[in-house]
Amino acid sequence: MSIHAIYGKLVRYKQIVEVLSHHQFGYIVDMLGLSRFITSRASKKKASPGEKDIANMWVRTRMVLEDLGGTYIKVGQMLSTRADILPHEMVQELGKLQDQVPHFPYEDVKRIIEKELGSPLDSLYQHFEPSPFASASIGQVHSAMTKNGDKVVVKVQRPEVQSSVKVDSEILLDAARFLEKRKIFKAYHFVPVAQEIKDFLEGETDYLREAHSAERFRKNFTDDPSVYIPVIHWGHTTGRVLTMEKVEGTKIIDIERLKSQGFDTVDIARKGINAYMKQILSHGFFHADPHPGNLFVTADGKIAFVDFGLIGEIDPELRGKLGDLFIATVRKNLDGITEALTAIGSLPPQADRYRLKKDLGAILERYSQLTLREIRIGEVISEVMNLIYTYKVRIPSDFTLMIKTFATLEGLGKQLDPEFDIFAVAEPYARELVRERMMSRWWISDTYKSLQAALSEVRTLVRQITEAFKVVEHGELKITHEHQGLQKMINRLSSSVLAAALIIGSSWLLASTSGTSVFGIIGFGGSAVLALWLLYSIMRSGRM
């Protein structure tokens, strides 16, 4: 690390310490061993660690992030999706963070664009609006028109934002590593969370990643006439400058204007939520920031998405588990809900699974007398996330993003259609997801691996029993009753091994061929005949 970088990091440390002290978090400064950075002015506002005003503490936490600005506002917004690792009250308070900061000068905008795109601004755009219409901690957005006459929006990254993100990410990792060395904090997994924040921030400062995400959305919805994704102008796009087609339309939340234009808001709700169900349950790639400013209704009634900076991704395995959870919830199957939830996450070894199931049952009981339409999914999610936090269930960050997205969508759907039922919209997608999972190569492959593991365990047990026999023989011991019992067990184990082999063989055959394999079927039939003959021999011995 250069001298300049070290100096910048020390300056930022000093700023963080002073802001913490100003908002009465001096005891955290002491715990992190950073007291040497406190000035005499800041130390006068140092609080004692005995404060018990928890609600006020979460408010002060938000104020710390707001005062630190930039990176830390983004950090707070990201953490507001992590109800699995943070108290509900803190998550609610972080949700109030507004990423609105003063815009930076047009001269800097012009300089950055010309440096990134390698040409004078006038040669790149026919018109470029000097004043931005939106400004945030990472960048700001201007209206423009290309030389071809296309209306576009241009997102320009703030000067020095990448270096500040790098410094703040390193400081967060430093703090996480320090805390994890202390015994009382080892169970909190601060380092993985800090690394997750670092990855998130790096993604936010890479506009090429956002551009590729938009392209992927556009490809996913190519055949859907109800959705519109704006075009990326690649010739005017780099890691720090993003040029995208300007979407002309009405904000989806402007209900009165939509009605005045002749739109049916019930139909708009259906289209919008269907688009999200496809993203989450079919594509496994979803827009994770569905606030009203990012969703528009075009003149021809399409749902248009903008701002692809915050994206969630769910792999096929997790989508399958999500389908299981959804179906179990619809059926109000407590065992199914518990199994699906613990399959999605990771339950600590010391956690009380029985009590978790009992607490989930209490939540289910509270809503059991309501129809699915009457249930507010946001409330259920809040209660379940409280349990996840209480029992320290570790769940994938994209899953928590998805949960927050669902809650936001329900609120949006209810505003457009008071009778909106998110379960009714989602159920067909969930059922299709479960069906595809059962038919997929992934499921067969997973079953194959599980059976292989089971077969390996059986072989190990047979070997151990055989070795036990040798010990008995060498010791010249004759234990007739036990020997006969063990022989019977071995025969049964042999049957199990053969049965497992048949299932594994069929799974492998299905998973490894695109069509029907004649030789595979012949070999499979031969294996079946041999296995049945061996089983018959064991049965005749009378020791089955």
Protein backbone atom coordinates (compact mmCIF):
# COMPACT_ATOMS: atom_id res chain seq x y z
CA MET A 1 0.00 0.00 0.00
CA SER A 2 1.35 3.42 -0.99
CA ILE A 3 2.01 6.25 1.50
CA HIS A 4 -0.87 8.18 -0.06
CA ALA A 5 -3.25 5.23 0.44
CA ILE A 6 -2.13 4.73 4.05
CA TYR A 7 -2.64 8.43 4.77
CA GLY A 8 -6.10 8.35 3.19
CA LYS A 9 -7.05 5.35 5.31
CA LEU A 10 -5.87 7.05 8.51
CA VAL A 11 -7.84 10.21 7.67
CA ARG A 12 -10.97 8.11 7.11
CA TYR A 13 -10.40 6.27 10.40
CA LYS A 14 -10.30 9.63 12.15
CA GLN A 15 -13.55 10.73 10.50
CA ILE A 16 -15.30 7.49 11.48
CA VAL A 17 -14.11 7.72 15.09
CA GLU A 18 -15.24 11.33 15.43
CA VAL A 19 -18.69 10.58 13.98
CA LEU A 20 -19.10 7.54 16.28
CA SER A 21 -18.10 9.62 19.29
CA HIS A 22 -20.37 12.49 18.28
CA HIS A 23 -23.37 10.09 18.24
CA GLN A 24 -22.49 8.57 21.63
CA PHE A 25 -20.79 5.40 20.40
CA GLY A 26 -17.50 6.14 22.15
CA TYR A 27 -17.54 2.71 23.82
CA ILE A 28 -17.41 1.07 20.37
CA VAL A 29 -14.36 3.18 19.61
CA ASP A 30 -12.77 1.88 22.83
CA MET A 31 -13.68 -1.71 21.99
CA LEU A 32 -12.06 -1.40 18.55
CA GLY A 33 -8.94 0.14 20.08
CA LEU A 34 -9.32 3.38 18.12
CA SER A 35 -9.38 5.86 21.01
CA ARG A 36 -6.11 7.41 19.83
CA PHE A 37 -8.00 8.93 16.88
CA ILE A 38 -10.42 10.86 19.11
CA THR A 39 -9.85 14.59 19.31
CA SER A 40 -10.53 16.38 22.60
CA ARG A 41 -13.64 17.96 21.05
CA ALA A 42 -15.08 14.62 20.00
CA SER A 43 -14.23 12.86 23.26
CA LYS A 44 -16.53 15.17 25.20
CA LYS A 45 -19.50 13.51 23.49
CA LYS A 46 -18.39 10.00 24.30
CA ALA A 47 -21.11 7.78 25.75
CA SER A 48 -20.86 5.06 28.32
CA PRO A 49 -21.51 1.45 27.28
CA GLY A 50 -24.28 1.22 29.86
CA GLU A 51 -26.88 3.04 27.74
CA LYS A 52 -30.15 1.13 27.57
CA ASP A 53 -32.13 3.24 25.13
CA ILE A 54 -32.06 0.62 22.37
CA ALA A 55 -34.60 2.33 20.09
CA ASN A 56 -32.60 5.53 20.22
CA MET A 57 -29.44 3.52 19.54
CA TRP A 58 -30.81 2.35 16.16
CA VAL A 59 -31.72 5.94 15.28
CA ARG A 60 -28.20 7.03 16.17
CA THR A 61 -26.81 4.18 14.06
CA ARG A 62 -28.69 5.52 11.04
CA MET A 63 -27.42 9.03 11.79
CA VAL A 64 -23.83 7.75 11.92
CA LEU A 65 -24.21 6.24 8.44
CA GLU A 66 -25.81 9.43 7.11
CA ASP A 67 -22.99 11.58 8.51
CA LEU A 68 -20.31 9.29 7.07
CA GLY A 69 -22.16 9.51 3.77
CA GLY A 70 -21.30 7.94 0.42
CA THR A 71 -20.21 4.37 0.92
CA TYR A 72 -21.81 4.01 4.33
CA ILE A 73 -25.27 5.00 3.09
CA LYS A 74 -24.99 2.18 0.56
CA VAL A 75 -23.78 -0.14 3.33
CA GLY A 76 -26.83 0.76 5.43
CA GLN A 77 -29.20 0.18 2.53
CA MET A 78 -27.61 -3.19 1.85
CA LEU A 79 -27.82 -4.18 5.53
CA SER A 80 -31.50 -3.17 5.61
CA THR A 81 -32.12 -6.35 3.58
CA ARG A 82 -30.38 -8.58 6.14
CA ALA A 83 -33.10 -9.21 8.71
CA ASP A 84 -31.52 -12.64 9.22
CA ILE A 85 -28.45 -11.16 10.94
CA LEU A 86 -29.76 -7.86 12.37
CA PRO A 87 -32.53 -7.03 14.86
CA HIS A 88 -35.88 -6.14 13.29
CA GLU A 89 -35.85 -2.62 14.81
CA MET A 90 -32.44 -1.87 13.32
CA VAL A 91 -33.49 -3.15 9.89
CA GLN A 92 -36.55 -0.90 9.99
CA GLU A 93 -34.45 2.13 10.88
CA LEU A 94 -31.86 1.43 8.17
CA GLY A 95 -34.69 1.23 5.67
CA LYS A 96 -35.20 4.98 6.18
CA LEU A 97 -31.80 5.84 4.71
CA GLN A 98 -32.11 8.05 1.66
CA ASP A 99 -29.32 7.99 -0.88
CA GLN A 100 -29.71 11.64 -1.87
CA VAL A 101 -26.65 13.86 -1.90
CA PRO A 102 -25.77 17.15 -3.62
CA HIS A 103 -24.74 16.77 -7.25
CA PHE A 104 -21.15 17.32 -8.32
CA PRO A 105 -20.18 20.04 -10.85
CA TYR A 106 -20.85 19.74 -14.57
CA GLU A 107 -17.15 20.39 -15.24
CA ASP A 108 -16.32 17.11 -13.47
CA VAL A 109 -19.08 15.31 -15.36
CA LYS A 110 -17.71 16.51 -18.70
CA ARG A 111 -14.13 15.60 -17.74
CA ILE A 112 -15.06 12.07 -16.64
CA ILE A 113 -17.15 11.34 -19.76
CA GLU A 114 -14.47 12.59 -22.13
CA LYS A 115 -11.77 10.63 -20.32
CA GLU A 116 -13.82 7.42 -20.26
CA LEU A 117 -15.18 7.59 -23.82
CA GLY A 118 -12.08 9.13 -25.38
CA SER A 119 -13.85 11.93 -27.29
CA PRO A 120 -15.13 15.47 -26.68
CA LEU A 121 -18.60 15.54 -25.15
CA ASP A 122 -20.02 17.51 -28.11
CA SER A 123 -18.94 14.78 -30.53
CA LEU A 124 -20.62 12.07 -28.42
CA TYR A 125 -24.03 13.60 -27.76
CA GLN A 126 -26.24 15.91 -29.81
CA HIS A 127 -27.51 17.35 -26.54
CA PHE A 128 -26.43 16.85 -22.93
CA GLU A 129 -28.37 18.37 -20.01
CA PRO A 130 -25.82 19.96 -17.61
CA SER A 131 -28.07 19.60 -14.54
CA PRO A 132 -28.73 16.04 -13.32
CA PHE A 133 -32.28 14.88 -12.60
CA ALA A 134 -31.05 12.41 -9.95
CA SER A 135 -28.03 12.37 -7.69
CA ALA A 136 -26.81 9.64 -5.32
CA SER A 137 -23.70 8.62 -3.40
CA ILE A 138 -22.12 6.64 -6.27
CA GLY A 139 -23.12 8.77 -9.25
CA GLN A 140 -25.69 11.05 -10.86
CA VAL A 141 -27.95 10.85 -13.92
CA HIS A 142 -28.33 13.31 -16.81
CA SER A 143 -30.73 13.45 -19.74
CA ALA A 144 -29.11 13.49 -23.18
CA MET A 145 -29.59 12.76 -26.88
CA THR A 146 -27.17 10.80 -29.05
CA LYS A 147 -25.97 11.95 -32.46
CA ASN A 148 -28.53 9.53 -33.95
CA GLY A 149 -31.35 11.36 -32.19
CA ASP A 150 -31.98 8.69 -29.53
CA LYS A 151 -33.17 9.97 -26.16
CA VAL A 152 -30.97 8.52 -23.43
CA VAL A 153 -30.04 8.85 -19.77
CA VAL A 154 -26.37 8.98 -18.82
CA LYS A 155 -25.20 7.82 -15.40
CA VAL A 156 -21.82 9.28 -14.43
CA GLN A 157 -19.79 8.07 -11.48
CA ARG A 158 -18.57 10.54 -8.86
CA PRO A 159 -14.89 11.51 -8.88
CA GLU A 160 -12.74 9.43 -6.52
CA VAL A 161 -15.67 7.20 -5.53
CA GLN A 162 -13.77 4.00 -6.34
CA SER A 163 -10.86 4.92 -4.09
CA SER A 164 -13.21 5.86 -1.22
CA VAL A 165 -15.10 2.59 -1.63
CA LYS A 166 -11.82 0.70 -1.49
CA VAL A 167 -10.73 2.46 1.71
CA ASP A 168 -14.11 2.02 3.43
CA SER A 169 -14.28 -1.66 2.44
CA GLU A 170 -10.84 -2.28 3.91
CA ILE A 171 -11.79 -0.51 7.15
CA LEU A 172 -14.93 -2.64 7.46
CA LEU A 173 -12.88 -5.80 6.93
CA ASP A 174 -10.31 -4.62 9.50
CA ALA A 175 -13.08 -4.09 12.07
CA ALA A 176 -14.70 -7.45 11.25
CA ARG A 177 -11.42 -9.36 11.65
CA PHE A 178 -10.70 -7.59 14.93
CA LEU A 179 -14.14 -8.42 16.35
CA GLU A 180 -14.01 -12.06 15.29
CA LYS A 181 -10.82 -12.50 17.30
CA ARG A 182 -12.83 -11.74 20.45
CA LYS A 183 -14.52 -14.84 21.85
CA ILE A 184 -17.91 -13.17 22.45
CA PHE A 185 -18.22 -12.22 18.76
CA LYS A 186 -16.98 -15.44 17.09
CA ALA A 187 -20.50 -16.73 16.42
CA TYR A 188 -21.55 -13.61 14.51
CA HIS A 189 -19.56 -14.23 11.29
CA PHE A 190 -18.56 -10.58 10.84
CA VAL A 191 -15.87 -11.28 8.22
CA PRO A 192 -18.18 -13.00 5.67
CA VAL A 193 -20.67 -10.15 6.08
CA ALA A 194 -17.93 -7.54 5.60
CA GLN A 195 -16.71 -9.41 2.51
CA GLU A 196 -20.27 -9.49 1.18
CA ILE A 197 -20.51 -5.71 1.68
CA LYS A 198 -17.19 -5.26 -0.13
CA ASP A 199 -18.40 -7.32 -3.11
CA PHE A 200 -21.68 -5.36 -3.15
CA LEU A 201 -19.88 -2.00 -3.17
CA GLU A 202 -17.49 -3.08 -5.92
CA GLY A 203 -20.51 -4.10 -8.01
CA GLU A 204 -22.14 -0.72 -7.42
CA THR A 205 -19.08 1.07 -8.81
CA ASP A 206 -18.86 -1.09 -11.94
CA TYR A 207 -21.35 0.25 -14.47
CA LEU A 208 -20.39 -2.45 -16.98
CA ARG A 209 -21.82 -5.01 -14.59
CA GLU A 210 -25.08 -3.06 -14.43
CA ALA A 211 -25.15 -2.78 -18.22
CA HIS A 212 -24.68 -6.55 -18.62
CA SER A 213 -27.46 -7.15 -16.08
CA ALA A 214 -29.82 -4.97 -18.15
CA GLU A 215 -28.89 -6.93 -21.28
CA ARG A 216 -29.59 -10.20 -19.50
CA PHE A 217 -33.03 -8.93 -18.43
CA ARG A 218 -33.74 -7.83 -21.98
CA LYS A 219 -32.85 -11.30 -23.27
CA ASN A 220 -34.95 -13.03 -20.59
CA PHE A 221 -38.04 -11.01 -21.58
CA THR A 222 -37.57 -11.09 -25.35
CA ASP A 223 -40.76 -13.10 -25.84
CA ASP A 224 -42.86 -11.30 -23.22
CA PRO A 225 -44.95 -8.48 -24.77
CA SER A 226 -45.96 -7.13 -21.34
CA VAL A 227 -42.43 -6.13 -20.24
CA TYR A 228 -39.98 -3.58 -21.61
CA ILE A 229 -36.26 -3.35 -20.80
CA PRO A 230 -34.36 -0.28 -22.13
CA VAL A 231 -31.51 -0.66 -24.61
CA ILE A 232 -27.88 -0.16 -23.53
CA HIS A 233 -25.80 2.10 -25.80
CA TRP A 234 -22.53 0.17 -25.58
CA GLY A 235 -20.53 2.70 -27.58
CA HIS A 236 -21.23 5.24 -24.83
CA THR A 237 -20.77 2.92 -21.85
CA THR A 238 -17.76 2.05 -19.66
CA GLY A 239 -17.15 1.08 -16.06
CA ARG A 240 -17.78 4.69 -14.96
CA VAL A 241 -20.27 5.95 -17.58
CA LEU A 242 -23.53 4.18 -18.43
CA THR A 243 -25.73 5.31 -21.33
CA MET A 244 -29.18 3.74 -21.55
CA GLU A 245 -32.32 4.36 -23.57
CA LYS A 246 -34.65 6.81 -21.83
CA VAL A 247 -37.93 5.18 -20.82
CA GLU A 248 -40.98 7.31 -21.59
CA GLY A 249 -43.88 6.45 -19.33
CA THR A 250 -45.78 6.95 -16.09
CA LYS A 251 -44.50 5.82 -12.71
CA ILE A 252 -46.35 2.68 -11.71
CA ILE A 253 -47.38 4.23 -8.40
CA ASP A 254 -49.03 7.29 -10.03
CA ILE A 255 -52.45 5.64 -9.90
CA GLU A 256 -54.58 8.69 -10.69
CA ARG A 257 -52.56 9.51 -13.78
CA LEU A 258 -52.68 5.87 -14.94
CA LYS A 259 -56.47 5.87 -14.58
CA SER A 260 -56.76 9.17 -16.45
CA GLN A 261 -54.79 7.58 -19.30
CA GLY A 262 -57.32 4.74 -19.45
CA PHE A 263 -55.24 2.02 -17.79
CA ASP A 264 -56.78 -0.69 -15.63
CA THR A 265 -54.66 -0.67 -12.45
CA VAL A 266 -55.75 -4.24 -11.61
CA ASP A 267 -54.29 -5.37 -14.94
CA ILE A 268 -51.14 -3.30 -14.30
CA ALA A 269 -50.72 -5.02 -10.90
CA ARG A 270 -51.08 -8.43 -12.53
CA LYS A 271 -48.54 -7.65 -15.25
CA GLY A 272 -46.02 -6.19 -12.83
CA ILE A 273 -46.18 -9.01 -10.30
CA ASN A 274 -46.17 -11.65 -13.04
CA ALA A 275 -42.97 -10.09 -14.37
CA TYR A 276 -41.39 -10.42 -10.94
CA MET A 277 -42.58 -14.00 -10.44
CA LYS A 278 -40.93 -14.90 -13.74
CA GLN A 279 -37.70 -13.23 -12.64
CA ILE A 280 -37.57 -14.92 -9.24
CA LEU A 281 -39.14 -18.33 -9.83
CA SER A 282 -38.39 -18.94 -13.53
CA HIS A 283 -35.27 -16.97 -14.47
CA GLY A 284 -33.58 -16.98 -11.05
CA PHE A 285 -32.35 -13.45 -11.83
CA PHE A 286 -34.36 -10.57 -10.43
CA HIS A 287 -34.49 -6.79 -10.09
CA ALA A 288 -34.01 -6.32 -6.34
CA ASP A 289 -34.94 -2.64 -6.09
CA PRO A 290 -38.64 -2.43 -7.02
CA HIS A 291 -39.36 0.99 -5.54
CA PRO A 292 -41.88 3.07 -7.57
CA GLY A 293 -39.18 5.22 -9.21
CA ASN A 294 -37.76 2.16 -10.97
CA LEU A 295 -41.01 0.87 -12.51
CA PHE A 296 -42.91 2.64 -15.30
CA VAL A 297 -45.95 1.96 -17.46
CA THR A 298 -45.33 2.81 -21.12
CA ALA A 299 -47.91 4.32 -23.46
CA ASP A 300 -48.72 0.85 -24.85
CA GLY A 301 -49.23 -0.64 -21.37
CA LYS A 302 -45.92 -2.42 -20.90
CA ILE A 303 -44.13 -2.60 -17.53
CA ALA A 304 -40.71 -0.97 -17.98
CA PHE A 305 -37.81 -1.50 -15.58
CA VAL A 306 -34.92 0.91 -14.99
CA ASP A 307 -31.85 0.96 -12.71
CA PHE A 308 -30.24 -2.48 -12.69
CA GLY A 309 -27.62 -1.76 -10.04
CA LEU A 310 -29.13 -4.02 -7.37
CA ILE A 311 -29.72 -7.53 -8.68
CA GLY A 312 -30.47 -10.83 -6.95
CA GLU A 313 -29.60 -14.24 -8.34
CA ILE A 314 -30.99 -17.60 -7.21
CA ASP A 315 -29.48 -20.82 -8.53
CA PRO A 316 -31.67 -23.79 -9.60
CA GLU A 317 -31.11 -25.67 -6.34
CA LEU A 318 -32.21 -22.72 -4.21
CA ARG A 319 -35.17 -22.05 -6.50
CA GLY A 320 -36.26 -25.65 -6.02
CA LYS A 321 -36.12 -25.25 -2.24
CA LEU A 322 -37.99 -21.99 -2.54
CA GLY A 323 -40.72 -23.80 -4.48
CA ASP A 324 -40.93 -26.40 -1.69
CA LEU A 325 -41.25 -23.62 0.89
CA PHE A 326 -43.96 -21.83 -1.06
CA ILE A 327 -46.06 -24.97 -1.61
CA ALA A 328 -45.69 -25.96 2.06
CA THR A 329 -46.80 -22.45 3.08
CA VAL A 330 -49.85 -22.53 0.80
CA ARG A 331 -50.78 -25.94 2.25
CA LYS A 332 -50.02 -24.73 5.80
CA ASN A 333 -47.78 -27.77 6.24
CA LEU A 334 -45.65 -27.06 9.33
CA ASP A 335 -43.24 -29.97 8.81
CA GLY A 336 -42.76 -28.95 5.19
CA ILE A 337 -42.16 -25.30 6.11
CA THR A 338 -39.58 -26.25 8.76
CA GLU A 339 -37.78 -28.67 6.45
CA ALA A 340 -37.73 -26.20 3.53
CA LEU A 341 -36.54 -23.29 5.69
CA THR A 342 -33.69 -25.25 7.28
CA ALA A 343 -32.76 -26.66 3.85
CA ILE A 344 -32.50 -23.12 2.47
CA GLY A 345 -30.41 -21.95 5.41
CA SER A 346 -27.88 -23.39 7.80
CA LEU A 347 -29.08 -24.11 11.33
CA PRO A 348 -26.29 -23.92 13.94
CA PRO A 349 -25.54 -27.30 15.61
CA GLN A 350 -26.55 -25.97 19.03
CA ALA A 351 -29.90 -24.61 17.78
CA ASP A 352 -33.07 -26.19 19.15
CA ARG A 353 -34.82 -27.50 16.03
CA TYR A 354 -37.88 -28.57 18.04
CA ARG A 355 -38.40 -25.08 19.48
CA LEU A 356 -37.89 -23.52 16.03
CA LYS A 357 -40.62 -25.77 14.65
CA LYS A 358 -42.86 -24.90 17.62
CA ASP A 359 -42.34 -21.15 17.07
CA LEU A 360 -43.05 -21.51 13.36
CA GLY A 361 -46.20 -23.42 14.31
CA ALA A 362 -47.30 -20.51 16.51
CA ILE A 363 -46.95 -18.14 13.55
CA LEU A 364 -48.84 -20.56 11.31
CA GLU A 365 -51.61 -20.89 13.90
CA ARG A 366 -52.08 -17.11 14.06
CA TYR A 367 -52.78 -17.01 10.33
CA SER A 368 -54.56 -20.37 10.00
CA GLN A 369 -58.06 -18.87 10.19
CA LEU A 370 -57.35 -16.36 7.41
CA THR A 371 -57.63 -16.95 3.69
CA LEU A 372 -54.43 -16.50 1.70
CA ARG A 373 -55.85 -13.25 0.29
CA GLU A 374 -56.32 -11.89 3.81
CA ILE A 375 -52.75 -12.67 4.88
CA ARG A 376 -50.30 -9.79 4.58
CA ILE A 377 -47.11 -11.44 3.45
CA GLY A 378 -45.01 -8.54 4.74
CA GLU A 379 -46.16 -9.23 8.29
CA VAL A 380 -45.50 -12.98 7.98
CA ILE A 381 -42.05 -12.33 6.51
CA SER A 382 -41.24 -9.97 9.37
CA GLU A 383 -42.19 -12.60 11.97
CA VAL A 384 -40.30 -15.39 10.22
CA MET A 385 -37.19 -13.23 9.80
CA ASN A 386 -37.30 -12.48 13.52
CA LEU A 387 -37.18 -16.22 14.17
CA ILE A 388 -34.31 -16.64 11.70
CA TYR A 389 -32.42 -13.92 13.55
CA THR A 390 -33.25 -15.42 16.97
CA TYR A 391 -32.12 -18.93 16.00
CA LYS A 392 -29.14 -17.59 14.02
CA VAL A 393 -30.13 -19.44 10.86
CA ARG A 394 -27.63 -18.49 8.15
CA ILE A 395 -29.45 -17.94 4.85
CA PRO A 396 -28.07 -16.80 1.47
CA SER A 397 -27.98 -13.01 1.04
CA ASP A 398 -29.83 -13.24 -2.30
CA PHE A 399 -32.64 -15.04 -0.48
CA THR A 400 -33.02 -12.12 1.94
CA LEU A 401 -33.02 -9.74 -1.03
CA MET A 402 -35.82 -11.81 -2.55
CA ILE A 403 -37.81 -11.74 0.70
CA LYS A 404 -37.59 -7.95 0.89
CA THR A 405 -38.58 -7.73 -2.77
CA PHE A 406 -41.67 -9.89 -2.12
CA ALA A 407 -42.72 -7.64 0.77
CA THR A 408 -42.30 -4.50 -1.37
CA LEU A 409 -44.24 -6.08 -4.24
CA GLU A 410 -47.15 -6.96 -2.00
CA GLY A 411 -47.45 -3.34 -0.89
CA LEU A 412 -47.24 -2.13 -4.48
CA GLY A 413 -49.81 -4.69 -5.62
CA LYS A 414 -52.26 -3.68 -2.85
CA GLN A 415 -52.01 -0.02 -3.87
CA LEU A 416 -52.85 -0.87 -7.48
CA ASP A 417 -55.48 -3.47 -6.56
CA PRO A 418 -56.92 -3.61 -3.01
CA GLU A 419 -58.00 -7.24 -3.67
CA PHE A 420 -54.52 -8.25 -4.83
CA ASP A 421 -53.45 -11.77 -3.75
CA ILE A 422 -49.72 -12.39 -4.21
CA PHE A 423 -50.12 -16.09 -3.38
CA ALA A 424 -52.57 -16.59 -6.24
CA VAL A 425 -50.14 -14.99 -8.69
CA ALA A 426 -47.11 -16.89 -7.40
CA GLU A 427 -48.63 -20.38 -6.96
CA PRO A 428 -48.58 -21.47 -10.64
CA TYR A 429 -44.91 -20.47 -10.91
CA ALA A 430 -44.04 -22.30 -7.69
CA ARG A 431 -45.83 -25.48 -8.82
CA GLU A 432 -44.04 -25.38 -12.17
CA LEU A 433 -40.77 -24.86 -10.34
CA VAL A 434 -41.36 -27.94 -8.17
CA ARG A 435 -42.34 -29.98 -11.24
CA GLU A 436 -39.24 -28.90 -13.15
CA ARG A 437 -37.10 -29.67 -10.14
CA MET A 438 -38.40 -33.24 -9.95
CA MET A 439 -37.77 -33.72 -13.68
CA SER A 440 -34.44 -31.92 -13.84
CA ARG A 441 -31.01 -33.42 -14.35
CA TRP A 442 -29.92 -31.46 -11.29
CA TRP A 443 -32.40 -33.37 -9.11
CA ILE A 444 -31.36 -36.70 -10.60
CA SER A 445 -27.71 -35.80 -10.18
CA ASP A 446 -28.32 -34.76 -6.57
CA THR A 447 -30.18 -38.03 -5.90
CA TYR A 448 -27.36 -39.95 -7.52
CA LYS A 449 -24.78 -38.27 -5.26
CA SER A 450 -26.91 -38.93 -2.17
CA LEU A 451 -27.26 -42.61 -3.05
CA GLN A 452 -23.54 -42.88 -3.72
CA ALA A 453 -22.88 -41.48 -0.26
CA ALA A 454 -25.38 -43.93 1.28
CA LEU A 455 -23.83 -46.86 -0.59
CA SER A 456 -20.38 -45.83 0.62
CA GLU A 457 -21.66 -45.85 4.22
CA VAL A 458 -23.14 -49.34 3.74
CA ARG A 459 -19.84 -50.63 2.32
CA THR A 460 -17.95 -49.16 5.25
CA LEU A 461 -20.30 -50.85 7.71
CA VAL A 462 -19.97 -54.23 5.93
CA ARG A 463 -16.17 -53.94 6.00
CA GLN A 464 -16.20 -53.11 9.72
CA ILE A 465 -18.43 -56.11 10.48
CA THR A 466 -16.13 -58.39 8.42
CA GLU A 467 -13.12 -57.16 10.37
CA ALA A 468 -14.99 -57.86 13.57
CA PHE A 469 -15.52 -61.47 12.44
CA LYS A 470 -11.77 -61.84 11.83
CA VAL A 471 -11.03 -60.63 15.34
CA VAL A 472 -13.46 -63.17 16.73
CA GLU A 473 -11.94 -65.99 14.63
CA HIS A 474 -8.35 -65.19 15.61
CA GLY A 475 -9.35 -65.10 19.24
CA GLU A 476 -10.90 -68.54 18.83
CA LEU A 477 -14.15 -67.29 20.27
CA LYS A 478 -17.43 -68.87 19.33
CA ILE A 479 -20.41 -66.62 19.81
CA THR A 480 -23.07 -68.44 17.85
CA HIS A 481 -26.04 -66.23 18.57
CA GLU A 482 -24.29 -63.01 17.72
CA HIS A 483 -22.68 -64.53 14.65
CA GLN A 484 -26.03 -65.60 13.26
CA GLY A 485 -27.54 -62.22 13.98
CA LEU A 486 -24.67 -60.51 12.22
CA GLN A 487 -24.95 -62.84 9.25
CA LYS A 488 -28.58 -61.93 8.96
CA MET A 489 -27.65 -58.24 9.10
CA ILE A 490 -25.01 -58.68 6.40
CA ASN A 491 -27.52 -60.36 4.11
CA ARG A 492 -29.92 -57.51 4.59
CA LEU A 493 -27.14 -55.02 4.00
CA SER A 494 -26.30 -56.86 0.80
CA SER A 495 -29.90 -56.46 -0.30
CA SER A 496 -29.71 -52.75 0.49
CA VAL A 497 -26.50 -52.38 -1.50
CA LEU A 498 -28.06 -54.09 -4.51
CA ALA A 499 -31.22 -52.00 -4.28
CA ALA A 500 -29.14 -48.85 -4.02
CA ALA A 501 -27.05 -49.96 -7.00
CA LEU A 502 -30.20 -50.40 -9.09
CA ILE A 503 -31.46 -46.93 -8.22
CA ILE A 504 -28.06 -45.34 -8.81
CA GLY A 505 -27.79 -47.12 -12.13
CA SER A 506 -31.15 -45.85 -13.30
CA SER A 507 -30.37 -42.32 -12.10
CA TRP A 508 -27.02 -42.34 -13.90
CA LEU A 509 -28.66 -43.66 -17.07
CA LEU A 510 -31.25 -40.88 -17.03
CA ALA A 511 -28.77 -38.15 -16.14
CA SER A 512 -26.04 -39.04 -18.61
CA THR A 513 -28.02 -39.52 -21.85
CA SER A 514 -30.09 -37.08 -23.82
CA GLY A 515 -32.19 -39.86 -25.37
CA THR A 516 -32.91 -43.54 -24.73
CA SER A 517 -29.75 -45.69 -24.62
CA VAL A 518 -30.39 -49.28 -25.89
CA PHE A 519 -27.12 -50.59 -24.45
CA GLY A 520 -27.81 -48.80 -21.22
CA ILE A 521 -31.24 -50.44 -20.94
CA ILE A 522 -29.78 -53.91 -21.73
CA GLY A 523 -27.07 -53.42 -19.12
CA PHE A 524 -29.63 -52.09 -16.67
CA GLY A 525 -31.89 -55.15 -17.26
CA GLY A 526 -28.96 -57.52 -16.79
CA SER A 527 -28.09 -55.86 -13.51
CA ALA A 528 -31.69 -56.23 -12.37
CA VAL A 529 -31.76 -59.98 -13.19
CA LEU A 530 -28.45 -60.56 -11.38
CA ALA A 531 -29.62 -58.62 -8.34
CA LEU A 532 -32.92 -60.56 -8.17
CA TRP A 533 -31.04 -63.87 -8.42
CA LEU A 534 -28.75 -62.92 -5.54
CA LEU A 535 -31.68 -61.79 -3.45
CA TYR A 536 -33.48 -65.07 -4.16
CA SER A 537 -30.38 -67.03 -3.05
CA ILE A 538 -30.25 -65.14 0.24
CA MET A 539 -33.95 -65.74 0.82
CA ARG A 540 -33.54 -69.48 0.21
CA SER A 541 -30.78 -69.59 2.79
CA GLY A 542 -33.39 -68.68 5.36
CA ARG A 543 -31.23 -65.86 6.66
CA MET A 544 -33.02 -62.92 5.23
